[in-house]
Amino acid sequence: MRFAAVVLAGGAARRLGGTPKPARTVAGVSLLTRVAAAVAAAEARVVVGPALADGPGGIRYTQEQPPGGGPVAAVAAGLALLDPALETVAVLGADLPFLTPAAVDRLLRAVDSDTDLAVYVDADGYPQWLCGVWRRAALDRRLAELGDPAGVGMRRLADGLRRVELPDDSSPPVWYDCDTEEDLRRAEEWTHGR
């Protein structure tokens, strides 16, 4: 299936002492490099956030407006660089160390003509909005309905859309994100089988 990927890599990383999350590593590989590899099959990959000096190749970078405007503003900025003919878009956080091409493919297969969005849910059933695949038409429609995307949360973007929620019982889970030093420590332990 043809698809594009928008990777959200902004944010102040306050819980990580201000160090940009995408540059942090798990088992010696940056989080952004790991996510970019999971969507290597995408026809276009856009990262919304600062470019990494030693980041993965084949990626276009942009910034949400205003800077720090939040995830929906970042999605809008990423979509602006994509060919509208790419009807399916993976929207992912840049801090998903265990995302794989197979996990992305599962999301892609779950989106059909009756679905606007496929998203992984955590063990408690909460949607992991930055680990999903969206129909481009649904994204465009919701962004138009919302107006100014600055400060808008992903849950509001998804309101009213037909979605499929995919559980993931793998260990570690593909939706696991790294927001804190403890999250990174746990990810390192998982990669080393502890």
Protein backbone atom coordinates (compact mmCIF):
# COMPACT_ATOMS: atom_id res chain seq x y z
CA MET A 1 0.00 0.00 0.00
CA ARG A 2 1.25 3.48 -0.84
CA PHE A 3 1.61 5.70 2.20
CA ALA A 4 3.45 8.64 3.67
CA ALA A 5 4.75 9.18 7.18
CA VAL A 6 4.68 12.26 9.38
CA VAL A 7 6.92 11.92 12.44
CA LEU A 8 6.39 14.37 15.27
CA ALA A 9 9.76 15.27 16.76
CA GLY A 10 9.13 18.62 18.42
CA GLY A 11 8.42 19.44 22.02
CA ALA A 12 10.58 20.85 24.78
CA ALA A 13 11.59 17.46 26.28
CA ARG A 14 11.30 18.97 29.77
CA ARG A 15 11.13 15.53 31.37
CA LEU A 16 14.43 14.68 29.67
CA GLY A 17 16.25 17.77 30.87
CA GLY A 18 15.67 19.59 27.58
CA THR A 19 17.66 17.09 25.50
CA PRO A 20 15.80 16.53 22.20
CA LYS A 21 14.01 13.19 22.42
CA PRO A 22 14.64 12.19 18.80
CA ALA A 23 18.40 12.33 19.41
CA ARG A 24 18.30 10.11 22.49
CA THR A 25 19.40 6.55 21.89
CA VAL A 26 18.32 3.04 22.77
CA ALA A 27 21.01 0.41 22.25
CA GLY A 28 23.13 3.03 20.50
CA VAL A 29 20.53 3.96 17.87
CA SER A 30 18.68 7.27 17.99
CA LEU A 31 14.94 7.14 18.56
CA LEU A 32 14.35 9.04 15.32
CA THR A 33 16.49 6.59 13.35
CA ARG A 34 14.46 3.71 14.78
CA VAL A 35 11.13 5.28 13.80
CA ALA A 36 12.43 6.25 10.34
CA ALA A 37 13.48 2.63 9.76
CA ALA A 38 9.99 1.42 10.70
CA VAL A 39 8.54 3.56 7.89
CA ALA A 40 11.32 3.01 5.35
CA ALA A 41 8.68 1.78 2.87
CA ALA A 42 6.85 5.12 2.93
CA GLU A 43 6.91 7.06 -0.34
CA ALA A 44 7.56 10.25 1.63
CA ARG A 45 8.79 10.81 5.17
CA VAL A 46 8.44 14.17 6.90
CA VAL A 47 9.82 14.96 10.34
CA VAL A 48 8.25 17.90 12.13
CA GLY A 49 10.96 19.22 14.41
CA PRO A 50 14.62 20.19 14.34
CA ALA A 51 16.86 18.28 11.93
CA LEU A 52 19.42 16.01 13.56
CA ALA A 53 22.99 16.51 12.38
CA ASP A 54 23.50 12.75 12.11
CA GLY A 55 19.87 11.83 11.52
CA PRO A 56 18.57 9.37 8.96
CA GLY A 57 18.60 10.29 5.28
CA GLY A 58 15.72 10.55 2.84
CA ILE A 59 13.65 12.73 5.15
CA ARG A 60 12.25 16.24 4.75
CA TYR A 61 12.11 18.44 7.84
CA THR A 62 9.68 21.19 8.73
CA GLN A 63 8.45 23.02 11.81
CA GLU A 64 4.94 23.55 13.13
CA GLN A 65 3.58 27.07 13.31
CA PRO A 66 3.84 28.53 15.78
CA PRO A 67 6.86 26.60 17.08
CA GLY A 68 5.68 24.64 20.09
CA GLY A 69 2.11 24.75 18.76
CA GLY A 70 1.48 21.14 19.70
CA PRO A 71 0.85 17.86 17.93
CA VAL A 72 -2.06 18.85 15.69
CA ALA A 73 -0.17 21.90 14.45
CA ALA A 74 2.74 19.55 13.76
CA VAL A 75 0.49 17.16 11.81
CA ALA A 76 -0.77 20.08 9.72
CA ALA A 77 2.81 21.20 8.99
CA GLY A 78 3.82 17.70 7.95
CA LEU A 79 0.81 17.23 5.69
CA ALA A 80 1.62 20.49 3.91
CA LEU A 81 4.78 18.86 2.49
CA LEU A 82 3.05 15.71 1.26
CA ASP A 83 1.58 14.94 -2.12
CA PRO A 84 -2.22 14.78 -1.57
CA ALA A 85 -2.27 11.73 -3.84
CA LEU A 86 -0.78 9.73 -0.97
CA GLU A 87 -4.10 8.83 0.62
CA THR A 88 -2.78 7.12 3.75
CA VAL A 89 -0.52 8.74 6.34
CA ALA A 90 1.25 7.19 9.31
CA VAL A 91 1.35 9.73 12.15
CA LEU A 92 3.99 8.74 14.64
CA GLY A 93 5.92 10.06 17.58
CA ALA A 94 9.69 10.21 17.16
CA ASP A 95 10.16 8.37 20.46
CA LEU A 96 8.92 4.85 19.64
CA PRO A 97 11.98 2.58 19.98
CA PHE A 98 10.11 -0.66 19.32
CA LEU A 99 8.03 0.31 16.32
CA THR A 100 8.68 -2.08 13.42
CA PRO A 101 7.76 -2.24 9.75
CA ALA A 102 5.44 -5.16 10.59
CA ALA A 103 3.63 -3.04 13.20
CA VAL A 104 3.18 -0.23 10.68
CA ASP A 105 1.95 -2.73 8.09
CA ARG A 106 -0.66 -4.00 10.56
CA LEU A 107 -1.96 -0.44 10.94
CA LEU A 108 -2.00 0.07 7.17
CA ARG A 109 -3.99 -3.14 6.62
CA ALA A 110 -6.55 -2.03 9.23
CA VAL A 111 -7.44 1.17 7.33
CA ASP A 112 -9.99 0.60 4.58
CA SER A 113 -12.86 2.44 2.91
CA ASP A 114 -14.92 2.15 6.12
CA THR A 115 -12.16 3.38 8.42
CA ASP A 116 -10.56 6.79 8.91
CA LEU A 117 -7.95 5.78 11.43
CA ALA A 118 -6.20 2.73 12.87
CA VAL A 119 -4.39 3.24 16.15
CA TYR A 120 -2.67 1.04 18.69
CA VAL A 121 -4.11 1.00 22.19
CA ASP A 122 -2.19 0.35 25.39
CA ALA A 123 -2.91 -2.38 27.93
CA ASP A 124 -5.59 -0.19 29.53
CA GLY A 125 -7.31 0.42 26.21
CA TYR A 126 -6.14 4.02 25.74
CA PRO A 127 -5.44 5.03 22.14
CA GLN A 128 -1.82 5.86 21.43
CA TRP A 129 -2.56 8.71 19.04
CA LEU A 130 1.04 9.04 17.89
CA CYS A 131 1.18 5.43 16.78
CA GLY A 132 -1.47 5.29 14.09
CA VAL A 133 -2.35 5.44 10.42
CA TRP A 134 -4.91 7.91 9.10
CA ARG A 135 -6.74 8.41 5.83
CA ARG A 136 -5.51 11.70 4.37
CA ALA A 137 -9.04 12.83 3.51
CA ALA A 138 -10.11 12.41 7.14
CA LEU A 139 -7.12 14.39 8.38
CA ASP A 140 -7.77 17.20 5.91
CA ARG A 141 -11.46 17.31 6.83
CA ARG A 142 -10.82 17.41 10.59
CA LEU A 143 -8.11 20.06 10.25
CA ALA A 144 -10.50 22.23 8.25
CA GLU A 145 -13.22 21.74 10.87
CA LEU A 146 -10.90 22.61 13.75
CA GLY A 147 -9.49 25.78 12.25
CA ASP A 148 -6.30 27.00 13.94
CA PRO A 149 -4.52 23.77 15.02
CA ALA A 150 -2.23 25.43 17.59
CA GLY A 151 -2.81 24.03 21.05
CA VAL A 152 -5.21 21.33 19.85
CA GLY A 153 -4.72 17.77 21.14
CA MET A 154 -4.73 14.60 19.06
CA ARG A 155 -7.87 13.30 20.74
CA ARG A 156 -9.80 16.27 19.34
CA LEU A 157 -8.35 15.62 15.90
CA ALA A 158 -9.72 12.08 16.07
CA ASP A 159 -13.17 13.09 17.34
CA GLY A 160 -15.93 11.80 15.11
CA LEU A 161 -13.66 9.65 12.97
CA ARG A 162 -14.32 5.97 12.32
CA ARG A 163 -11.43 4.17 13.96
CA VAL A 164 -10.06 0.71 14.55
CA GLU A 165 -8.22 0.21 17.82
CA LEU A 166 -5.52 -2.44 17.70
CA PRO A 167 -4.32 -4.09 20.90
CA ASP A 168 -0.68 -5.04 21.07
CA ASP A 169 0.41 -7.68 23.54
CA SER A 170 4.00 -7.93 22.34
CA SER A 171 6.78 -7.29 24.83
CA PRO A 172 7.97 -4.64 24.54
CA PRO A 173 4.87 -3.08 22.98
CA VAL A 174 5.27 -1.31 19.63
CA TRP A 175 3.50 1.79 20.99
CA TYR A 176 5.91 2.24 23.91
CA ASP A 177 7.23 5.80 23.94
CA CYS A 178 10.11 7.39 25.82
CA ASP A 179 9.11 10.54 27.66
CA THR A 180 11.38 10.25 30.70
CA GLU A 181 14.80 8.95 31.73
CA GLU A 182 13.01 6.01 33.36
CA ASP A 183 11.30 5.19 30.04
CA LEU A 184 14.69 5.19 28.29
CA ARG A 185 16.22 3.02 31.02
CA ARG A 186 13.40 0.50 30.67
CA ALA A 187 13.76 0.49 26.88
CA GLU A 188 17.48 -0.27 27.26
CA GLU A 189 16.66 -3.15 29.59
CA TRP A 190 14.15 -4.57 27.14
CA THR A 191 16.65 -4.42 24.28
CA HIS A 192 19.16 -6.34 26.37
CA GLY A 193 16.61 -8.98 27.43
CA ARG A 194 16.34 -7.89 31.05
